[in-house]
Full PDB file with SEQRES, HELIX, SHEET, SSBOND, CRYST1, ORIGX, SCALE, CONECT and MASTER records, all heavy atoms in Angstrom:
SEQRES   1 A   38  ASN LEU ALA LYS LYS ILE LYS PRO SER LYS ARG GLY GLU          
SEQRES   2 A   38  LEU GLU ILE THR SER LEU ASN LEU GLU PHE LEU LYS GLN          
SEQRES   3 A   38  LYS LYS LEU GLU VAL ASN ILE LEU ASP SER VAL PHE              
HELIX    1 AA1 LEU A    2  LYS A    5  1                                   4    
HELIX    2 AA2 ILE A   16  LYS A   25  1                                  10    
CRYST1    1.000    1.000    1.000  90.00  90.00  90.00 P 1           1          
ORIGX1      1.000000  0.000000  0.000000        0.00000                         
ORIGX2      0.000000  1.000000  0.000000        0.00000                         
ORIGX3      0.000000  0.000000  1.000000        0.00000                         
SCALE1      1.000000  0.000000  0.000000        0.00000                         
SCALE2      0.000000  1.000000  0.000000        0.00000                         
SCALE3      0.000000  0.000000  1.000000        0.00000                         
ATOM      1  N   ASN A   1      44.836 -74.496 -11.763  1.00  0.00           N  
ATOM      2  CA  ASN A   1      43.888 -73.384 -11.684  1.00  0.00           C  
ATOM      3  C   ASN A   1      44.563 -72.106 -11.207  1.00  0.00           C  
ATOM      4  O   ASN A   1      44.237 -71.009 -11.690  1.00  0.00           O  
ATOM      5  CB  ASN A   1      42.723 -73.743 -10.760  1.00  0.00           C  
ATOM      6  CG  ASN A   1      41.782 -74.754 -11.388  1.00  0.00           C  
ATOM      7  OD1 ASN A   1      41.628 -74.788 -12.614  1.00  0.00           O  
ATOM      8  ND2 ASN A   1      41.160 -75.587 -10.569  1.00  0.00           N  
ATOM      9  N   LEU A   2      45.499 -72.230 -10.280  1.00  0.00           N  
ATOM     10  CA  LEU A   2      46.221 -71.047  -9.803  1.00  0.00           C  
ATOM     11  C   LEU A   2      47.055 -70.430 -10.926  1.00  0.00           C  
ATOM     12  O   LEU A   2      47.120 -69.214 -11.064  1.00  0.00           O  
ATOM     13  CB  LEU A   2      47.122 -71.412  -8.619  1.00  0.00           C  
ATOM     14  CG  LEU A   2      46.422 -71.722  -7.294  1.00  0.00           C  
ATOM     15  CD1 LEU A   2      47.445 -72.121  -6.231  1.00  0.00           C  
ATOM     16  CD2 LEU A   2      45.617 -70.523  -6.812  1.00  0.00           C  
ATOM     17  N   ALA A   3      47.683 -71.275 -11.714  1.00  0.00           N  
ATOM     18  CA  ALA A   3      48.519 -70.771 -12.810  1.00  0.00           C  
ATOM     19  C   ALA A   3      47.693 -70.013 -13.838  1.00  0.00           C  
ATOM     20  O   ALA A   3      48.163 -69.037 -14.440  1.00  0.00           O  
ATOM     21  CB  ALA A   3      49.259 -71.935 -13.470  1.00  0.00           C  
ATOM     22  N   LYS A   4      46.451 -70.432 -14.043  1.00  0.00           N  
ATOM     23  CA  LYS A   4      45.589 -69.761 -15.012  1.00  0.00           C  
ATOM     24  C   LYS A   4      45.092 -68.411 -14.505  1.00  0.00           C  
ATOM     25  O   LYS A   4      44.646 -67.570 -15.290  1.00  0.00           O  
ATOM     26  CB  LYS A   4      44.399 -70.665 -15.374  1.00  0.00           C  
ATOM     27  CG  LYS A   4      44.802 -71.893 -16.184  1.00  0.00           C  
ATOM     28  CD  LYS A   4      43.615 -72.610 -16.779  1.00  0.00           C  
ATOM     29  CE  LYS A   4      42.789 -73.315 -15.720  1.00  0.00           C  
ATOM     30  NZ  LYS A   4      41.705 -74.128 -16.335  1.00  0.00           N  
ATOM     31  N   LYS A   5      45.202 -68.183 -13.195  1.00  0.00           N  
ATOM     32  CA  LYS A   5      44.689 -66.944 -12.600  1.00  0.00           C  
ATOM     33  C   LYS A   5      45.749 -65.882 -12.372  1.00  0.00           C  
ATOM     34  O   LYS A   5      45.425 -64.701 -12.269  1.00  0.00           O  
ATOM     35  CB  LYS A   5      44.000 -67.270 -11.267  1.00  0.00           C  
ATOM     36  CG  LYS A   5      42.724 -68.091 -11.410  1.00  0.00           C  
ATOM     37  CD  LYS A   5      42.149 -68.443 -10.049  1.00  0.00           C  
ATOM     38  CE  LYS A   5      40.894 -69.300 -10.180  1.00  0.00           C  
ATOM     39  NZ  LYS A   5      40.364 -69.708  -8.839  1.00  0.00           N  
ATOM     40  N   ILE A   6      47.023 -66.278 -12.267  1.00  0.00           N  
ATOM     41  CA  ILE A   6      48.041 -65.279 -11.959  1.00  0.00           C  
ATOM     42  C   ILE A   6      48.269 -64.369 -13.167  1.00  0.00           C  
ATOM     43  O   ILE A   6      48.057 -64.754 -14.309  1.00  0.00           O  
ATOM     44  CB  ILE A   6      49.375 -65.915 -11.508  1.00  0.00           C  
ATOM     45  CG1 ILE A   6      49.988 -66.765 -12.621  1.00  0.00           C  
ATOM     46  CG2 ILE A   6      49.181 -66.721 -10.244  1.00  0.00           C  
ATOM     47  CD1 ILE A   6      51.375 -67.274 -12.278  1.00  0.00           C  
ATOM     48  N   LYS A   7      48.702 -63.147 -12.874  1.00  0.00           N  
ATOM     49  CA  LYS A   7      48.916 -62.155 -13.919  1.00  0.00           C  
ATOM     50  C   LYS A   7      50.407 -62.043 -14.253  1.00  0.00           C  
ATOM     51  O   LYS A   7      51.245 -62.271 -13.391  1.00  0.00           O  
ATOM     52  CB  LYS A   7      48.366 -60.801 -13.471  1.00  0.00           C  
ATOM     53  CG  LYS A   7      46.860 -60.808 -13.236  1.00  0.00           C  
ATOM     54  CD  LYS A   7      46.379 -59.448 -12.770  1.00  0.00           C  
ATOM     55  CE  LYS A   7      44.869 -59.456 -12.534  1.00  0.00           C  
ATOM     56  NZ  LYS A   7      44.385 -58.130 -12.051  1.00  0.00           N  
ATOM     57  N   PRO A   8      50.719 -61.685 -15.480  1.00  0.00           N  
ATOM     58  CA  PRO A   8      52.126 -61.518 -15.850  1.00  0.00           C  
ATOM     59  C   PRO A   8      52.807 -60.458 -14.995  1.00  0.00           C  
ATOM     60  O   PRO A   8      52.185 -59.471 -14.593  1.00  0.00           O  
ATOM     61  CB  PRO A   8      52.050 -61.085 -17.320  1.00  0.00           C  
ATOM     62  CG  PRO A   8      50.731 -61.573 -17.803  1.00  0.00           C  
ATOM     63  CD  PRO A   8      49.814 -61.490 -16.630  1.00  0.00           C  
ATOM     64  N   SER A   9      54.086 -60.673 -14.744  1.00  0.00           N  
ATOM     65  CA  SER A   9      54.876 -59.725 -13.963  1.00  0.00           C  
ATOM     66  C   SER A   9      55.299 -58.544 -14.835  1.00  0.00           C  
ATOM     67  O   SER A   9      54.932 -58.457 -16.015  1.00  0.00           O  
ATOM     68  CB  SER A   9      56.117 -60.426 -13.425  1.00  0.00           C  
ATOM     69  OG  SER A   9      56.975 -60.808 -14.504  1.00  0.00           O  
ATOM     70  N   LYS A  10      56.090 -57.648 -14.274  1.00  0.00           N  
ATOM     71  CA  LYS A  10      56.609 -56.518 -15.040  1.00  0.00           C  
ATOM     72  C   LYS A  10      57.462 -57.002 -16.209  1.00  0.00           C  
ATOM     73  O   LYS A  10      57.617 -56.298 -17.197  1.00  0.00           O  
ATOM     74  CB  LYS A  10      57.418 -55.600 -14.130  1.00  0.00           C  
ATOM     75  CG  LYS A  10      56.584 -54.891 -13.063  1.00  0.00           C  
ATOM     76  CD  LYS A  10      57.454 -54.033 -12.166  1.00  0.00           C  
ATOM     77  CE  LYS A  10      56.624 -53.344 -11.085  1.00  0.00           C  
ATOM     78  NZ  LYS A  10      57.475 -52.523 -10.183  1.00  0.00           N  
ATOM     79  N   ARG A  11      58.023 -58.212 -16.080  1.00  0.00           N  
ATOM     80  CA  ARG A  11      58.820 -58.783 -17.172  1.00  0.00           C  
ATOM     81  C   ARG A  11      57.934 -59.401 -18.256  1.00  0.00           C  
ATOM     82  O   ARG A  11      58.436 -59.908 -19.256  1.00  0.00           O  
ATOM     83  CB  ARG A  11      59.764 -59.865 -16.640  1.00  0.00           C  
ATOM     84  CG  ARG A  11      60.751 -59.378 -15.599  1.00  0.00           C  
ATOM     85  CD  ARG A  11      61.828 -60.407 -15.356  1.00  0.00           C  
ATOM     86  NE  ARG A  11      61.295 -61.688 -14.892  1.00  0.00           N  
ATOM     87  CZ  ARG A  11      61.996 -62.818 -14.864  1.00  0.00           C  
ATOM     88  NH1 ARG A  11      63.246 -62.825 -15.281  1.00  0.00           N  
ATOM     89  NH2 ARG A  11      61.451 -63.943 -14.412  1.00  0.00           N  
ATOM     90  N   GLY A  12      56.615 -59.404 -18.006  1.00  0.00           N  
ATOM     91  CA  GLY A  12      55.692 -59.998 -18.966  1.00  0.00           C  
ATOM     92  C   GLY A  12      55.604 -61.504 -18.858  1.00  0.00           C  
ATOM     93  O   GLY A  12      55.150 -62.164 -19.801  1.00  0.00           O  
ATOM     94  N   GLU A  13      56.024 -62.067 -17.715  1.00  0.00           N  
ATOM     95  CA  GLU A  13      56.055 -63.514 -17.554  1.00  0.00           C  
ATOM     96  C   GLU A  13      55.135 -63.971 -16.424  1.00  0.00           C  
ATOM     97  O   GLU A  13      54.873 -63.232 -15.477  1.00  0.00           O  
ATOM     98  CB  GLU A  13      57.482 -63.982 -17.261  1.00  0.00           C  
ATOM     99  CG  GLU A  13      58.455 -63.724 -18.387  1.00  0.00           C  
ATOM    100  CD  GLU A  13      59.824 -64.328 -18.129  1.00  0.00           C  
ATOM    101  OE1 GLU A  13      59.969 -65.061 -17.128  1.00  0.00           O  
ATOM    102  OE2 GLU A  13      60.743 -64.064 -18.929  1.00  0.00           O  
ATOM    103  N   LEU A  14      54.667 -65.215 -16.548  1.00  0.00           N  
ATOM    104  CA  LEU A  14      53.931 -65.856 -15.459  1.00  0.00           C  
ATOM    105  C   LEU A  14      54.983 -66.459 -14.526  1.00  0.00           C  
ATOM    106  O   LEU A  14      55.568 -67.491 -14.825  1.00  0.00           O  
ATOM    107  CB  LEU A  14      52.996 -66.940 -16.004  1.00  0.00           C  
ATOM    108  CG  LEU A  14      51.920 -66.464 -16.988  1.00  0.00           C  
ATOM    109  CD1 LEU A  14      51.064 -67.642 -17.437  1.00  0.00           C  
ATOM    110  CD2 LEU A  14      51.048 -65.392 -16.362  1.00  0.00           C  
ATOM    111  N   GLU A  15      55.232 -65.779 -13.417  1.00  0.00           N  
ATOM    112  CA  GLU A  15      56.348 -66.126 -12.541  1.00  0.00           C  
ATOM    113  C   GLU A  15      55.999 -67.302 -11.633  1.00  0.00           C  
ATOM    114  O   GLU A  15      54.904 -67.373 -11.070  1.00  0.00           O  
ATOM    115  CB  GLU A  15      56.748 -64.923 -11.682  1.00  0.00           C  
ATOM    116  CG  GLU A  15      57.064 -63.657 -12.451  1.00  0.00           C  
ATOM    117  CD  GLU A  15      58.441 -63.686 -13.087  1.00  0.00           C  
ATOM    118  OE1 GLU A  15      59.155 -64.702 -12.938  1.00  0.00           O  
ATOM    119  OE2 GLU A  15      58.801 -62.691 -13.736  1.00  0.00           O  
ATOM    120  N   ILE A  16      56.954 -68.184 -11.455  1.00  0.00           N  
ATOM    121  CA  ILE A  16      56.764 -69.295 -10.517  1.00  0.00           C  
ATOM    122  C   ILE A  16      56.674 -68.764  -9.093  1.00  0.00           C  
ATOM    123  O   ILE A  16      55.984 -69.344  -8.245  1.00  0.00           O  
ATOM    124  CB  ILE A  16      57.921 -70.324 -10.666  1.00  0.00           C  
ATOM    125  CG1 ILE A  16      57.507 -71.691 -10.091  1.00  0.00           C  
ATOM    126  CG2 ILE A  16      59.192 -69.825 -10.015  1.00  0.00           C  
ATOM    127  CD1 ILE A  16      56.616 -72.502 -10.973  1.00  0.00           C  
ATOM    128  N   THR A  17      57.325 -67.637  -8.825  1.00  0.00           N  
ATOM    129  CA  THR A  17      57.246 -67.028  -7.500  1.00  0.00           C  
ATOM    130  C   THR A  17      55.825 -66.589  -7.188  1.00  0.00           C  
ATOM    131  O   THR A  17      55.367 -66.703  -6.049  1.00  0.00           O  
ATOM    132  CB  THR A  17      58.214 -65.834  -7.386  1.00  0.00           C  
ATOM    133  OG1 THR A  17      59.558 -66.320  -7.484  1.00  0.00           O  
ATOM    134  CG2 THR A  17      58.054 -65.117  -6.056  1.00  0.00           C  
ATOM    135  N   SER A  18      55.112 -66.110  -8.192  1.00  0.00           N  
ATOM    136  CA  SER A  18      53.708 -65.719  -7.979  1.00  0.00           C  
ATOM    137  C   SER A  18      52.875 -66.921  -7.556  1.00  0.00           C  
ATOM    138  O   SER A  18      52.004 -66.816  -6.677  1.00  0.00           O  
ATOM    139  CB  SER A  18      53.135 -65.104  -9.263  1.00  0.00           C  
ATOM    140  OG  SER A  18      53.838 -63.943  -9.632  1.00  0.00           O  
ATOM    141  N   LEU A  19      53.130 -68.060  -8.177  1.00  0.00           N  
ATOM    142  CA  LEU A  19      52.437 -69.292  -7.778  1.00  0.00           C  
ATOM    143  C   LEU A  19      52.768 -69.662  -6.341  1.00  0.00           C  
ATOM    144  O   LEU A  19      51.882 -69.987  -5.540  1.00  0.00           O  
ATOM    145  CB  LEU A  19      52.852 -70.443  -8.696  1.00  0.00           C  
ATOM    146  CG  LEU A  19      52.041 -70.729  -9.943  1.00  0.00           C  
ATOM    147  CD1 LEU A  19      52.602 -71.950 -10.647  1.00  0.00           C  
ATOM    148  CD2 LEU A  19      50.581 -70.947  -9.598  1.00  0.00           C  
ATOM    149  N   ASN A  20      54.058 -69.616  -6.019  1.00  0.00           N  
ATOM    150  CA  ASN A  20      54.473 -69.981  -4.665  1.00  0.00           C  
ATOM    151  C   ASN A  20      53.863 -69.049  -3.624  1.00  0.00           C  
ATOM    152  O   ASN A  20      53.495 -69.492  -2.526  1.00  0.00           O  
ATOM    153  CB  ASN A  20      55.999 -69.964  -4.569  1.00  0.00           C  
ATOM    154  CG  ASN A  20      56.646 -71.078  -5.372  1.00  0.00           C  
ATOM    155  OD1 ASN A  20      56.040 -72.131  -5.579  1.00  0.00           O  
ATOM    156  ND2 ASN A  20      57.869 -70.861  -5.845  1.00  0.00           N  
ATOM    157  N   LEU A  21      53.743 -67.778  -3.973  1.00  0.00           N  
ATOM    158  CA  LEU A  21      53.128 -66.826  -3.037  1.00  0.00           C  
ATOM    159  C   LEU A  21      51.647 -67.122  -2.831  1.00  0.00           C  
ATOM    160  O   LEU A  21      51.120 -66.939  -1.730  1.00  0.00           O  
ATOM    161  CB  LEU A  21      53.322 -65.397  -3.553  1.00  0.00           C  
ATOM    162  CG  LEU A  21      54.740 -64.835  -3.430  1.00  0.00           C  
ATOM    163  CD1 LEU A  21      54.857 -63.497  -4.153  1.00  0.00           C  
ATOM    164  CD2 LEU A  21      55.144 -64.691  -1.961  1.00  0.00           C  
ATOM    165  N   GLU A  22      50.980 -67.585  -3.881  1.00  0.00           N  
ATOM    166  CA  GLU A  22      49.566 -67.955  -3.733  1.00  0.00           C  
ATOM    167  C   GLU A  22      49.420 -69.143  -2.789  1.00  0.00           C  
ATOM    168  O   GLU A  22      48.539 -69.152  -1.919  1.00  0.00           O  
ATOM    169  CB  GLU A  22      48.963 -68.282  -5.103  1.00  0.00           C  
ATOM    170  CG  GLU A  22      48.675 -67.069  -5.966  1.00  0.00           C  
ATOM    171  CD  GLU A  22      47.642 -66.143  -5.335  1.00  0.00           C  
ATOM    172  OE1 GLU A  22      46.645 -66.654  -4.772  1.00  0.00           O  
ATOM    173  OE2 GLU A  22      47.823 -64.920  -5.400  1.00  0.00           O  
ATOM    174  N   PHE A  23      50.271 -70.148  -2.945  1.00  0.00           N  
ATOM    175  CA  PHE A  23      50.239 -71.288  -2.031  1.00  0.00           C  
ATOM    176  C   PHE A  23      50.591 -70.846  -0.606  1.00  0.00           C  
ATOM    177  O   PHE A  23      50.001 -71.320   0.371  1.00  0.00           O  
ATOM    178  CB  PHE A  23      51.213 -72.375  -2.488  1.00  0.00           C  
ATOM    179  CG  PHE A  23      50.679 -73.263  -3.573  1.00  0.00           C  
ATOM    180  CD1 PHE A  23      51.183 -73.193  -4.860  1.00  0.00           C  
ATOM    181  CD2 PHE A  23      49.669 -74.179  -3.308  1.00  0.00           C  
ATOM    182  CE1 PHE A  23      50.692 -74.018  -5.864  1.00  0.00           C  
ATOM    183  CE2 PHE A  23      49.164 -75.004  -4.301  1.00  0.00           C  
ATOM    184  CZ  PHE A  23      49.680 -74.925  -5.592  1.00  0.00           C  
ATOM    185  N   LEU A  24      51.549 -69.932  -0.487  1.00  0.00           N  
ATOM    186  CA  LEU A  24      51.951 -69.438   0.826  1.00  0.00           C  
ATOM    187  C   LEU A  24      50.807 -68.681   1.487  1.00  0.00           C  
ATOM    188  O   LEU A  24      50.556 -68.839   2.689  1.00  0.00           O  
ATOM    189  CB  LEU A  24      53.178 -68.535   0.688  1.00  0.00           C  
ATOM    190  CG  LEU A  24      53.762 -67.966   1.984  1.00  0.00           C  
ATOM    191  CD1 LEU A  24      54.223 -69.092   2.906  1.00  0.00           C  
ATOM    192  CD2 LEU A  24      54.931 -67.026   1.674  1.00  0.00           C  
ATOM    193  N   LYS A  25      50.086 -67.876   0.710  1.00  0.00           N  
ATOM    194  CA  LYS A  25      48.952 -67.110   1.226  1.00  0.00           C  
ATOM    195  C   LYS A  25      47.877 -68.044   1.777  1.00  0.00           C  
ATOM    196  O   LYS A  25      47.220 -67.748   2.773  1.00  0.00           O  
ATOM    197  CB  LYS A  25      48.370 -66.235   0.112  1.00  0.00           C  
ATOM    198  CG  LYS A  25      47.302 -65.264   0.560  1.00  0.00           C  
ATOM    199  CD  LYS A  25      46.642 -64.581  -0.629  1.00  0.00           C  
ATOM    200  CE  LYS A  25      47.643 -63.848  -1.492  1.00  0.00           C  
ATOM    201  NZ  LYS A  25      46.977 -63.137  -2.624  1.00  0.00           N  
ATOM    202  N   GLN A  26      47.725 -69.201   1.136  1.00  0.00           N  
ATOM    203  CA  GLN A  26      46.733 -70.184   1.582  1.00  0.00           C  
ATOM    204  C   GLN A  26      47.277 -71.112   2.676  1.00  0.00           C  
ATOM    205  O   GLN A  26      46.586 -72.022   3.114  1.00  0.00           O  
ATOM    206  CB  GLN A  26      46.284 -71.027   0.388  1.00  0.00           C  
ATOM    207  CG  GLN A  26      45.594 -70.248  -0.709  1.00  0.00           C  
ATOM    208  CD  GLN A  26      45.255 -71.123  -1.912  1.00  0.00           C  
ATOM    209  OE1 GLN A  26      45.213 -72.346  -1.822  1.00  0.00           O  
ATOM    210  NE2 GLN A  26      45.004 -70.500  -3.060  1.00  0.00           N  
ATOM    211  N   LYS A  27      48.525 -70.862   3.089  1.00  0.00           N  
ATOM    212  CA  LYS A  27      49.205 -71.694   4.092  1.00  0.00           C  
ATOM    213  C   LYS A  27      49.292 -73.151   3.631  1.00  0.00           C  
ATOM    214  O   LYS A  27      49.095 -74.090   4.405  1.00  0.00           O  
ATOM    215  CB  LYS A  27      48.503 -71.591   5.448  1.00  0.00           C  
ATOM    216  CG  LYS A  27      48.524 -70.182   6.028  1.00  0.00           C  
ATOM    217  CD  LYS A  27      47.876 -70.117   7.403  1.00  0.00           C  
ATOM    218  CE  LYS A  27      47.968 -68.696   7.951  1.00  0.00           C  
ATOM    219  NZ  LYS A  27      47.345 -68.575   9.304  1.00  0.00           N  
ATOM    220  N   LYS A  28      49.591 -73.296   2.345  1.00  0.00           N  
ATOM    221  CA  LYS A  28      49.703 -74.625   1.750  1.00  0.00           C  
ATOM    222  C   LYS A  28      51.045 -74.798   1.045  1.00  0.00           C  
ATOM    223  O   LYS A  28      51.134 -75.389  -0.027  1.00  0.00           O  
ATOM    224  CB  LYS A  28      48.562 -74.864   0.750  1.00  0.00           C  
ATOM    225  CG  LYS A  28      47.184 -74.962   1.376  1.00  0.00           C  
ATOM    226  CD  LYS A  28      46.131 -75.227   0.315  1.00  0.00           C  
ATOM    227  CE  LYS A  28      44.741 -75.368   0.909  1.00  0.00           C  
ATOM    228  NZ  LYS A  28      43.712 -75.605  -0.147  1.00  0.00           N  
ATOM    229  N   LEU A  29      52.098 -74.255   1.651  1.00  0.00           N  
ATOM    230  CA  LEU A  29      53.416 -74.342   1.048  1.00  0.00           C  
ATOM    231  C   LEU A  29      54.457 -74.701   2.097  1.00  0.00           C  
ATOM    232  O   LEU A  29      54.543 -74.073   3.151  1.00  0.00           O  
ATOM    233  CB  LEU A  29      53.809 -73.021   0.388  1.00  0.00           C  
ATOM    234  CG  LEU A  29      55.126 -73.052  -0.394  1.00  0.00           C  
ATOM    235  CD1 LEU A  29      54.962 -73.844  -1.690  1.00  0.00           C  
ATOM    236  CD2 LEU A  29      55.619 -71.634  -0.703  1.00  0.00           C  
ATOM    237  N   GLU A  30      55.245 -75.728   1.783  1.00  0.00           N  
ATOM    238  CA  GLU A  30      56.374 -76.094   2.627  1.00  0.00           C  
ATOM    239  C   GLU A  30      57.665 -75.862   1.853  1.00  0.00           C  
ATOM    240  O   GLU A  30      57.723 -76.092   0.648  1.00  0.00           O  
ATOM    241  CB  GLU A  30      56.300 -77.577   3.029  1.00  0.00           C  
ATOM    242  CG  GLU A  30      55.106 -77.938   3.898  1.00  0.00           C  
ATOM    243  CD  GLU A  30      55.088 -79.411   4.266  1.00  0.00           C  
ATOM    244  OE1 GLU A  30      56.135 -80.080   4.108  1.00  0.00           O  
ATOM    245  OE2 GLU A  30      54.024 -79.903   4.672  1.00  0.00           O  
ATOM    246  N   VAL A  31      58.699 -75.404   2.568  1.00  0.00           N  
ATOM    247  CA  VAL A  31      60.013 -75.232   1.957  1.00  0.00           C  
ATOM    248  C   VAL A  31      60.999 -76.137   2.679  1.00  0.00           C  
ATOM    249  O   VAL A  31      61.237 -75.973   3.875  1.00  0.00           O  
ATOM    250  CB  VAL A  31      60.485 -73.774   2.024  1.00  0.00           C  
ATOM    251  CG1 VAL A  31      61.874 -73.645   1.381  1.00  0.00           C  
ATOM    252  CG2 VAL A  31      59.508 -72.842   1.318  1.00  0.00           C  
ATOM    253  N   ASN A  32      61.532 -77.100   1.976  1.00  0.00           N  
ATOM    254  CA  ASN A  32      62.549 -77.992   2.532  1.00  0.00           C  
ATOM    255  C   ASN A  32      63.929 -77.463   2.156  1.00  0.00           C  
ATOM    256  O   ASN A  32      64.162 -77.072   1.013  1.00  0.00           O  
ATOM    257  CB  ASN A  32      62.392 -79.417   1.990  1.00  0.00           C  
ATOM    258  CG  ASN A  32      61.167 -80.116   2.540  1.00  0.00           C  
ATOM    259  OD1 ASN A  32      60.400 -79.536   3.295  1.00  0.00           O  
ATOM    260  ND2 ASN A  32      60.960 -81.353   2.152  1.00  0.00           N  
ATOM    261  N   ILE A  33      64.833 -77.459   3.124  1.00  0.00           N  
ATOM    262  CA  ILE A  33      66.191 -76.993   2.863  1.00  0.00           C  
ATOM    263  C   ILE A  33      67.051 -78.159   2.383  1.00  0.00           C  
ATOM    264  O   ILE A  33      67.085 -79.215   3.014  1.00  0.00           O  
ATOM    265  CB  ILE A  33      66.817 -76.371   4.130  1.00  0.00           C  
ATOM    266  CG1 ILE A  33      65.972 -75.185   4.600  1.00  0.00           C  
ATOM    267  CG2 ILE A  33      68.250 -75.930   3.858  1.00  0.00           C  
ATOM    268  CD1 ILE A  33      65.809 -74.082   3.590  1.00  0.00           C  
ATOM    269  N   LEU A  34      67.714 -77.942   1.251  1.00  0.00           N  
ATOM    270  CA  LEU A  34      68.634 -78.948   0.729  1.00  0.00           C  
ATOM    271  C   LEU A  34      70.006 -78.721   1.373  1.00  0.00           C  
ATOM    272  O   LEU A  34      70.732 -77.805   0.993  1.00  0.00           O  
ATOM    273  CB  LEU A  34      68.747 -78.824  -0.794  1.00  0.00           C  
ATOM    274  CG  LEU A  34      67.490 -79.133  -1.608  1.00  0.00           C  
ATOM    275  CD1 LEU A  34      67.748 -78.890  -3.087  1.00  0.00           C  
ATOM    276  CD2 LEU A  34      67.035 -80.570  -1.387  1.00  0.00           C  
ATOM    277  N   ASP A  35      70.333 -79.554   2.353  1.00  0.00           N  
ATOM    278  CA  ASP A  35      71.608 -79.369   3.038  1.00  0.00           C  
ATOM    279  C   ASP A  35      72.560 -80.544   2.846  1.00  0.00           C  
ATOM    280  O   ASP A  35      73.704 -80.492   3.263  1.00  0.00           O  
ATOM    281  CB  ASP A  35      71.398 -79.118   4.537  1.00  0.00           C  
ATOM    282  CG  ASP A  35      70.537 -80.178   5.197  1.00  0.00           C  
ATOM    283  OD1 ASP A  35      70.244 -81.203   4.555  1.00  0.00           O  
ATOM    284  OD2 ASP A  35      70.146 -79.976   6.370  1.00  0.00           O  
ATOM    285  N   SER A  36      72.099 -81.590   2.187  1.00  0.00           N  
ATOM    286  CA  SER A  36      72.981 -82.731   1.917  1.00  0.00           C  
ATOM    287  C   SER A  36      72.998 -83.065   0.429  1.00  0.00           C  
ATOM    288  O   SER A  36      73.331 -84.171   0.037  1.00  0.00           O  
ATOM    289  CB  SER A  36      72.509 -83.958   2.710  1.00  0.00           C  
ATOM    290  OG  SER A  36      71.193 -84.315   2.360  1.00  0.00           O  
ATOM    291  N   VAL A  37      72.623 -82.067  -0.376  1.00  0.00           N  
ATOM    292  CA  VAL A  37      72.524 -82.229  -1.822  1.00  0.00           C  
ATOM    293  C   VAL A  37      73.245 -81.067  -2.494  1.00  0.00           C  
ATOM    294  O   VAL A  37      73.162 -79.929  -2.029  1.00  0.00           O  
ATOM    295  CB  VAL A  37      71.040 -82.259  -2.270  1.00  0.00           C  
ATOM    296  CG1 VAL A  37      70.920 -82.204  -3.782  1.00  0.00           C  
ATOM    297  CG2 VAL A  37      70.346 -83.492  -1.726  1.00  0.00           C  
ATOM    298  N   PHE A  38      73.949 -81.347  -3.569  1.00  0.00           N  
ATOM    299  CA  PHE A  38      74.550 -80.293  -4.374  1.00  0.00           C  
ATOM    300  C   PHE A  38      73.572 -79.863  -5.454  1.00  0.00           C  
ATOM    301  O   PHE A  38      72.968 -80.702  -6.131  1.00  0.00           O  
ATOM    302  CB  PHE A  38      75.846 -80.780  -5.039  1.00  0.00           C  
ATOM    303  CG  PHE A  38      76.977 -80.989  -4.084  1.00  0.00           C  
ATOM    304  CD1 PHE A  38      77.274 -82.263  -3.618  1.00  0.00           C  
ATOM    305  CD2 PHE A  38      77.753 -79.923  -3.649  1.00  0.00           C  
ATOM    306  CE1 PHE A  38      78.321 -82.475  -2.740  1.00  0.00           C  
ATOM    307  CE2 PHE A  38      78.801 -80.116  -2.767  1.00  0.00           C  
ATOM    308  CZ  PHE A  38      79.087 -81.392  -2.307  1.00  0.00           C  
TER     309      PHE A  38                                                      
MASTER        0    0    0    2    0    0    0    6  308    1    0    3          
END                                                                             
């Protein structure tokens, strides 16, 4: 549902960053650091 609501960026694309920002705004986003993976 979030993907259907976001608007295209200046590049004309539906950005994954826009989705992540929506989850972040709702405080529903975790970021795990990959420190033992290439």
